Structure formats: C-alpha cells, structure tokens
PDB file of N, CA and C in Angstrom:
ATOM      1  N   UNK A   1      14.539   9.901  -2.112  1.00  0.00           N
ATOM      2  CA  UNK A   1      14.374   9.142  -0.910  1.00  0.00           C
ATOM      3  C   UNK A   1      15.736   8.720  -0.353  1.00  0.00           C
ATOM      4  N   UNK A   2      16.745   8.842  -1.165  1.00  0.00           N
ATOM      5  CA  UNK A   2      18.083   8.477  -0.705  1.00  0.00           C
ATOM      6  C   UNK A   2      18.524   9.367   0.465  1.00  0.00           C
ATOM      7  N   UNK A   3      18.229  10.670   0.406  1.00  0.00           N
ATOM      8  CA  UNK A   3      18.600  11.569   1.494  1.00  0.00           C
ATOM      9  C   UNK A   3      17.912  11.157   2.787  1.00  0.00           C
ATOM     10  N   UNK A   4      16.696  10.706   2.677  1.00  0.00           N
ATOM     11  CA  UNK A   4      15.930  10.252   3.840  1.00  0.00           C
ATOM     12  C   UNK A   4      16.633   9.076   4.516  1.00  0.00           C
ATOM     13  N   UNK A   5      17.089   8.129   3.715  1.00  0.00           N
ATOM     14  CA  UNK A   5      17.809   6.978   4.252  1.00  0.00           C
ATOM     15  C   UNK A   5      19.171   7.387   4.801  1.00  0.00           C
ATOM     16  N   UNK A   6      19.824   8.336   4.135  1.00  0.00           N
ATOM     17  CA  UNK A   6      21.130   8.803   4.618  1.00  0.00           C
ATOM     18  C   UNK A   6      21.018   9.443   5.998  1.00  0.00           C
ATOM     19  N   UNK A   7      19.937  10.155   6.259  1.00  0.00           N
ATOM     20  CA  UNK A   7      19.758  10.775   7.570  1.00  0.00           C
ATOM     21  C   UNK A   7      19.752   9.740   8.685  1.00  0.00           C
ATOM     22  N   UNK A   8      19.243   8.558   8.396  1.00  0.00           N
ATOM     23  CA  UNK A   8      19.175   7.500   9.398  1.00  0.00           C
ATOM     24  C   UNK A   8      20.556   6.964   9.776  1.00  0.00           C
ATOM     25  N   UNK A   9      21.578   7.254   8.974  1.00  0.00           N
ATOM     26  CA  UNK A   9      22.919   6.767   9.289  1.00  0.00           C
ATOM     27  C   UNK A   9      23.581   7.598  10.374  1.00  0.00           C
ATOM     28  N   UNK A  10      23.037   8.771  10.685  1.00  0.00           N
ATOM     29  CA  UNK A  10      23.553   9.591  11.777  1.00  0.00           C
ATOM     30  C   UNK A  10      22.951   9.096  13.089  1.00  0.00           C
ATOM     31  N   UNK A  11      23.804   8.764  14.025  1.00  0.00           N
ATOM     32  CA  UNK A  11      23.330   8.163  15.270  1.00  0.00           C
ATOM     33  C   UNK A  11      22.321   9.054  15.999  1.00  0.00           C
ATOM     34  N   UNK A  12      22.564  10.366  16.034  1.00  0.00           N
ATOM     35  CA  UNK A  12      21.628  11.265  16.727  1.00  0.00           C
ATOM     36  C   UNK A  12      20.274  11.297  16.040  1.00  0.00           C
ATOM     37  N   UNK A  13      20.283  11.324  14.729  1.00  0.00           N
ATOM     38  CA  UNK A  13      19.018  11.343  13.990  1.00  0.00           C
ATOM     39  C   UNK A  13      18.283  10.020  14.158  1.00  0.00           C
ATOM     40  N   UNK A  14      18.997   8.916  14.076  1.00  0.00           N
ATOM     41  CA  UNK A  14      18.372   7.607  14.195  1.00  0.00           C
ATOM     42  C   UNK A  14      17.809   7.404  15.595  1.00  0.00           C
ATOM     43  N   UNK A  15      18.536   7.860  16.608  1.00  0.00           N
ATOM     44  CA  UNK A  15      18.059   7.746  17.989  1.00  0.00           C
ATOM     45  C   UNK A  15      16.791   8.576  18.191  1.00  0.00           C
ATOM     46  N   UNK A  16      16.766   9.789  17.656  1.00  0.00           N
ATOM     47  CA  UNK A  16      15.582  10.644  17.769  1.00  0.00           C
ATOM     48  C   UNK A  16      14.384  10.008  17.067  1.00  0.00           C
ATOM     49  N   UNK A  17      14.623   9.344  15.938  1.00  0.00           N
ATOM     50  CA  UNK A  17      13.555   8.626  15.242  1.00  0.00           C
ATOM     51  C   UNK A  17      13.016   7.501  16.113  1.00  0.00           C
ATOM     52  N   UNK A  18      13.919   6.713  16.673  1.00  0.00           N
ATOM     53  CA  UNK A  18      13.509   5.587  17.516  1.00  0.00           C
ATOM     54  C   UNK A  18      12.711   6.040  18.726  1.00  0.00           C
ATOM     55  N   UNK A  19      13.082   7.189  19.280  1.00  0.00           N
ATOM     56  CA  UNK A  19      12.395   7.716  20.461  1.00  0.00           C
ATOM     57  C   UNK A  19      11.115   8.466  20.108  1.00  0.00           C
ATOM     58  N   UNK A  20      10.838   8.616  18.819  1.00  0.00           N
ATOM     59  CA  UNK A  20       9.630   9.312  18.387  1.00  0.00           C
ATOM     60  C   UNK A  20       9.709  10.816  18.526  1.00  0.00           C
ATOM     61  N   UNK A  21      10.917  11.352  18.651  1.00  0.00           N
ATOM     62  CA  UNK A  21      11.105  12.796  18.807  1.00  0.00           C
ATOM     63  C   UNK A  21      11.025  13.538  17.482  1.00  0.00           C
ATOM     64  N   UNK A  22      11.339  12.847  16.390  1.00  0.00           N
ATOM     65  CA  UNK A  22      11.293  13.460  15.059  1.00  0.00           C
ATOM     66  C   UNK A  22      10.707  12.472  14.060  1.00  0.00           C
ATOM     67  N   UNK A  23      10.232  13.000  12.961  1.00  0.00           N
ATOM     68  CA  UNK A  23       9.794  12.210  11.812  1.00  0.00           C
ATOM     69  C   UNK A  23      10.503  12.764  10.587  1.00  0.00           C
ATOM     70  N   UNK A  24      10.732  11.919   9.632  1.00  0.00           N
ATOM     71  CA  UNK A  24      11.322  12.354   8.367  1.00  0.00           C
ATOM     72  C   UNK A  24      10.234  12.279   7.308  1.00  0.00           C
ATOM     73  N   UNK A  25      10.040  13.383   6.598  1.00  0.00           N
ATOM     74  CA  UNK A  25       9.020  13.455   5.565  1.00  0.00           C
ATOM     75  C   UNK A  25       9.690  13.585   4.208  1.00  0.00           C
ATOM     76  N   UNK A  26       9.198  12.839   3.235  1.00  0.00           N
ATOM     77  CA  UNK A  26       9.682  12.969   1.877  1.00  0.00           C
ATOM     78  C   UNK A  26       8.698  13.826   1.082  1.00  0.00           C
ATOM     79  N   UNK A  27       9.133  15.019   0.719  1.00  0.00           N
ATOM     80  CA  UNK A  27       8.274  15.917  -0.051  1.00  0.00           C
ATOM     81  C   UNK A  27       8.948  16.291  -1.364  1.00  0.00           C
ATOM     82  N   UNK A  28       8.112  16.562  -2.352  1.00  0.00           N
ATOM     83  CA  UNK A  28       8.570  17.011  -3.659  1.00  0.00           C
ATOM     84  C   UNK A  28       7.745  18.236  -4.030  1.00  0.00           C
ATOM     85  N   UNK A  29       8.424  19.315  -4.410  1.00  0.00           N
ATOM     86  CA  UNK A  29       7.742  20.557  -4.783  1.00  0.00           C
ATOM     87  C   UNK A  29       7.896  20.779  -6.275  1.00  0.00           C
ATOM     88  N   UNK A  30       6.767  20.905  -6.978  1.00  0.00           N
ATOM     89  CA  UNK A  30       6.763  21.185  -8.414  1.00  0.00           C
ATOM     90  C   UNK A  30       6.707  22.696  -8.587  1.00  0.00           C
ATOM     91  N   UNK A  31       7.830  23.292  -8.882  1.00  0.00           N
ATOM     92  CA  UNK A  31       7.917  24.755  -8.967  1.00  0.00           C
ATOM     93  C   UNK A  31       7.034  25.317 -10.083  1.00  0.00           C
ATOM     94  N   UNK A  32       6.797  24.534 -11.116  1.00  0.00           N
ATOM     95  CA  UNK A  32       5.983  25.000 -12.234  1.00  0.00           C
ATOM     96  C   UNK A  32       4.508  25.153 -11.901  1.00  0.00           C
ATOM     97  N   UNK A  33       4.002  24.252 -11.068  1.00  0.00           N
ATOM     98  CA  UNK A  33       2.572  24.287 -10.728  1.00  0.00           C
ATOM     99  C   UNK A  33       2.312  24.740  -9.293  1.00  0.00           C
ATOM    100  N   UNK A  34       3.359  24.696  -8.471  1.00  0.00           N
ATOM    101  CA  UNK A  34       3.185  25.036  -7.064  1.00  0.00           C
ATOM    102  C   UNK A  34       2.633  23.887  -6.231  1.00  0.00           C
ATOM    103  N   UNK A  35       2.467  22.727  -6.852  1.00  0.00           N
ATOM    104  CA  UNK A  35       1.935  21.565  -6.135  1.00  0.00           C
ATOM    105  C   UNK A  35       3.018  20.946  -5.249  1.00  0.00           C
ATOM    106  N   UNK A  36       2.591  20.418  -4.116  1.00  0.00           N
ATOM    107  CA  UNK A  36       3.485  19.730  -3.200  1.00  0.00           C
ATOM    108  C   UNK A  36       3.037  18.280  -3.117  1.00  0.00           C
ATOM    109  N   UNK A  37       4.003  17.381  -3.219  1.00  0.00           N
ATOM    110  CA  UNK A  37       3.739  15.951  -3.168  1.00  0.00           C
ATOM    111  C   UNK A  37       4.445  15.351  -1.958  1.00  0.00           C
ATOM    112  N   UNK A  38       3.818  14.400  -1.340  1.00  0.00           N
ATOM    113  CA  UNK A  38       4.405  13.694  -0.202  1.00  0.00           C
ATOM    114  C   UNK A  38       4.606  12.232  -0.556  1.00  0.00           C
ATOM    115  N   UNK A  39       5.631  11.653   0.031  1.00  0.00           N
ATOM    116  CA  UNK A  39       5.912  10.247  -0.230  1.00  0.00           C
ATOM    117  C   UNK A  39       4.954   9.375   0.567  1.00  0.00           C
ATOM    118  N   UNK A  40       4.292   8.458  -0.124  1.00  0.00           N
ATOM    119  CA  UNK A  40       3.376   7.510   0.503  1.00  0.00           C
ATOM    120  C   UNK A  40       4.096   6.167   0.554  1.00  0.00           C
ATOM    121  N   UNK A  41       4.543   5.772   1.763  1.00  0.00           N
ATOM    122  CA  UNK A  41       5.325   4.541   1.885  1.00  0.00           C
ATOM    123  C   UNK A  41       4.511   3.296   1.577  1.00  0.00           C
ATOM    124  N   UNK A  42       3.183   3.379   1.708  1.00  0.00           N
ATOM    125  CA  UNK A  42       2.336   2.228   1.427  1.00  0.00           C
ATOM    126  C   UNK A  42       2.232   1.963  -0.072  1.00  0.00           C
ATOM    127  N   UNK A  43       2.311   3.012  -0.861  1.00  0.00           N
ATOM    128  CA  UNK A  43       2.210   2.884  -2.324  1.00  0.00           C
ATOM    129  C   UNK A  43       3.546   3.054  -3.029  1.00  0.00           C
ATOM    130  N   UNK A  44       4.589   3.384  -2.241  1.00  0.00           N
ATOM    131  CA  UNK A  44       5.923   3.596  -2.777  1.00  0.00           C
ATOM    132  C   UNK A  44       5.915   4.618  -3.916  1.00  0.00           C
ATOM    133  N   UNK A  45       5.208   5.733  -3.667  1.00  0.00           N
ATOM    134  CA  UNK A  45       5.130   6.779  -4.683  1.00  0.00           C
ATOM    135  C   UNK A  45       4.842   8.120  -4.022  1.00  0.00           C
ATOM    136  N   UNK A  46       5.069   9.176  -4.794  1.00  0.00           N
ATOM    137  CA  UNK A  46       4.727  10.516  -4.327  1.00  0.00           C
ATOM    138  C   UNK A  46       3.303  10.836  -4.764  1.00  0.00           C
ATOM    139  N   UNK A  47       2.548  11.453  -3.861  1.00  0.00           N
ATOM    140  CA  UNK A  47       1.164  11.820  -4.145  1.00  0.00           C
ATOM    141  C   UNK A  47       0.937  13.277  -3.779  1.00  0.00           C
ATOM    142  N   UNK A  48       0.153  13.930  -4.591  1.00  0.00           N
ATOM    143  CA  UNK A  48      -0.140  15.338  -4.352  1.00  0.00           C
ATOM    144  C   UNK A  48      -0.825  15.499  -2.995  1.00  0.00           C
ATOM    145  N   UNK A  49      -0.348  16.459  -2.221  1.00  0.00           N
ATOM    146  CA  UNK A  49      -0.956  16.717  -0.918  1.00  0.00           C
ATOM    147  C   UNK A  49      -2.308  17.375  -1.132  1.00  0.00           C
ATOM    148  N   UNK A  50      -3.307  16.783  -0.517  1.00  0.00           N
ATOM    149  CA  UNK A  50      -4.678  17.265  -0.619  1.00  0.00           C
ATOM    150  C   UNK A  50      -5.266  17.220   0.780  1.00  0.00           C
ATOM    151  N   UNK A  51      -5.833  18.313   1.244  1.00  0.00           N
ATOM    152  CA  UNK A  51      -6.354  18.356   2.613  1.00  0.00           C
ATOM    153  C   UNK A  51      -7.476  17.356   2.842  1.00  0.00           C
ATOM    154  N   UNK A  52      -8.045  16.812   1.774  1.00  0.00           N
ATOM    155  CA  UNK A  52      -9.103  15.809   1.902  1.00  0.00           C
ATOM    156  C   UNK A  52      -8.575  14.399   1.674  1.00  0.00           C
ATOM    157  N   UNK A  53      -7.260  14.223   1.708  1.00  0.00           N
ATOM    158  CA  UNK A  53      -6.657  12.939   1.357  1.00  0.00           C
ATOM    159  C   UNK A  53      -7.157  11.796   2.232  1.00  0.00           C
ATOM    160  N   UNK A  54      -7.296  12.016   3.529  1.00  0.00           N
ATOM    161  CA  UNK A  54      -7.741  10.929   4.404  1.00  0.00           C
ATOM    162  C   UNK A  54      -9.121  10.439   4.009  1.00  0.00           C
ATOM    163  N   UNK A  55      -9.986  11.383   3.615  1.00  0.00           N
ATOM    164  CA  UNK A  55     -11.336  10.996   3.203  1.00  0.00           C
ATOM    165  C   UNK A  55     -11.309  10.157   1.933  1.00  0.00           C
ATOM    166  N   UNK A  56     -10.401  10.485   1.011  1.00  0.00           N
ATOM    167  CA  UNK A  56     -10.396   9.783  -0.268  1.00  0.00           C
ATOM    168  C   UNK A  56      -9.613   8.470  -0.230  1.00  0.00           C
ATOM    169  N   UNK A  57      -8.575   8.361   0.636  1.00  0.00           N
ATOM    170  CA  UNK A  57      -7.741   7.152   0.640  1.00  0.00           C
ATOM    171  C   UNK A  57      -7.953   6.275   1.860  1.00  0.00           C
ATOM    172  N   UNK A  58      -8.477   6.863   2.940  1.00  0.00           N
ATOM    173  CA  UNK A  58      -8.619   6.111   4.179  1.00  0.00           C
ATOM    174  C   UNK A  58      -7.321   6.002   4.955  1.00  0.00           C
ATOM    175  N   UNK A  59      -6.257   6.617   4.444  1.00  0.00           N
ATOM    176  CA  UNK A  59      -4.958   6.585   5.112  1.00  0.00           C
ATOM    177  C   UNK A  59      -4.785   7.917   5.836  1.00  0.00           C
ATOM    178  N   UNK A  60      -4.497   7.845   7.113  1.00  0.00           N
ATOM    179  CA  UNK A  60      -4.356   9.078   7.882  1.00  0.00           C
ATOM    180  C   UNK A  60      -3.006   9.724   7.621  1.00  0.00           C
ATOM    181  N   UNK A  61      -2.923  11.015   7.887  1.00  0.00           N
ATOM    182  CA  UNK A  61      -1.693  11.759   7.733  1.00  0.00           C
ATOM    183  C   UNK A  61      -0.610  11.176   8.643  1.00  0.00           C
ATOM    184  N   UNK A  62      -0.984  10.746   9.819  1.00  0.00           N
ATOM    185  CA  UNK A  62      -0.022  10.153  10.754  1.00  0.00           C
ATOM    186  C   UNK A  62       0.596   8.910  10.138  1.00  0.00           C
ATOM    187  N   UNK A  63      -0.199   8.057   9.506  1.00  0.00           N
ATOM    188  CA  UNK A  63       0.309   6.845   8.871  1.00  0.00           C
ATOM    189  C   UNK A  63       1.266   7.182   7.728  1.00  0.00           C
ATOM    190  N   UNK A  64       0.931   8.200   6.949  1.00  0.00           N
ATOM    191  CA  UNK A  64       1.770   8.573   5.818  1.00  0.00           C
ATOM    192  C   UNK A  64       3.130   9.066   6.271  1.00  0.00           C
ATOM    193  N   UNK A  65       3.163   9.789   7.381  1.00  0.00           N
ATOM    194  CA  UNK A  65       4.397  10.423   7.818  1.00  0.00           C
ATOM    195  C   UNK A  65       5.181   9.622   8.848  1.00  0.00           C
ATOM    196  N   UNK A  66       4.584   8.614   9.428  1.00  0.00           N
ATOM    197  CA  UNK A  66       5.295   7.819  10.432  1.00  0.00           C
ATOM    198  C   UNK A  66       6.395   7.052   9.730  1.00  0.00           C
ATOM    199  N   UNK A  67       7.612   7.255  10.187  1.00  0.00           N
ATOM    200  CA  UNK A  67       8.769   6.664   9.530  1.00  0.00           C
ATOM    201  C   UNK A  67       9.022   5.252  10.019  1.00  0.00           C
ATOM    202  N   UNK A  68       9.456   4.406   9.103  1.00  0.00           N
ATOM    203  CA  UNK A  68       9.902   3.056   9.484  1.00  0.00           C
ATOM    204  C   UNK A  68      11.287   3.191  10.085  1.00  0.00           C
ATOM    205  N   UNK A  69      11.474   2.619  11.230  1.00  0.00           N
ATOM    206  CA  UNK A  69      12.769   2.704  11.910  1.00  0.00           C
ATOM    207  C   UNK A  69      13.451   1.355  11.782  1.00  0.00           C
ATOM    208  N   UNK A  70      14.688   1.416  11.309  1.00  0.00           N
ATOM    209  CA  UNK A  70      15.433   0.164  11.151  1.00  0.00           C
ATOM    210  C   UNK A  70      16.356  -0.056  12.318  1.00  0.00           C
TER     211      UNK A  70
END
C-alpha cells in the first residue's frame, strides 16, 4: 500500500484523483494459486476478488475502489 500512497505525492496524479479522472487500486496476485486479491479500505485488508462479492458483503465494487483523497 506504500506505492499507492507514494503515487499521491505526484501533483499530476493527486490532481487527477481529486478530479475523479483516475482511481488507484491495490491488488495482490498470488502466482501459486492464480487468485487475485483487492485491498478493502473498510476492513484494512486484502480480500480475494469474487464476482459475487457485493452479494456476500453488501459493499459495492465502486466503494471498494473509490480512493480516499487527502
């Protein structure tokens, strides 16, 4: 997640975030299993991406990926 925060230190990237032109996603790929995990800012953890995630957690994909802008 450090790289994600570092990107915000670039004025162009931070401005694009503020304007809603880009989002920053934190993903982790497990090469051994092929599973992809996304960072859930509400739980402060990585969770396996599942196409039924909204049904099981009640959290929409938009909420998971919407970045906090400082």
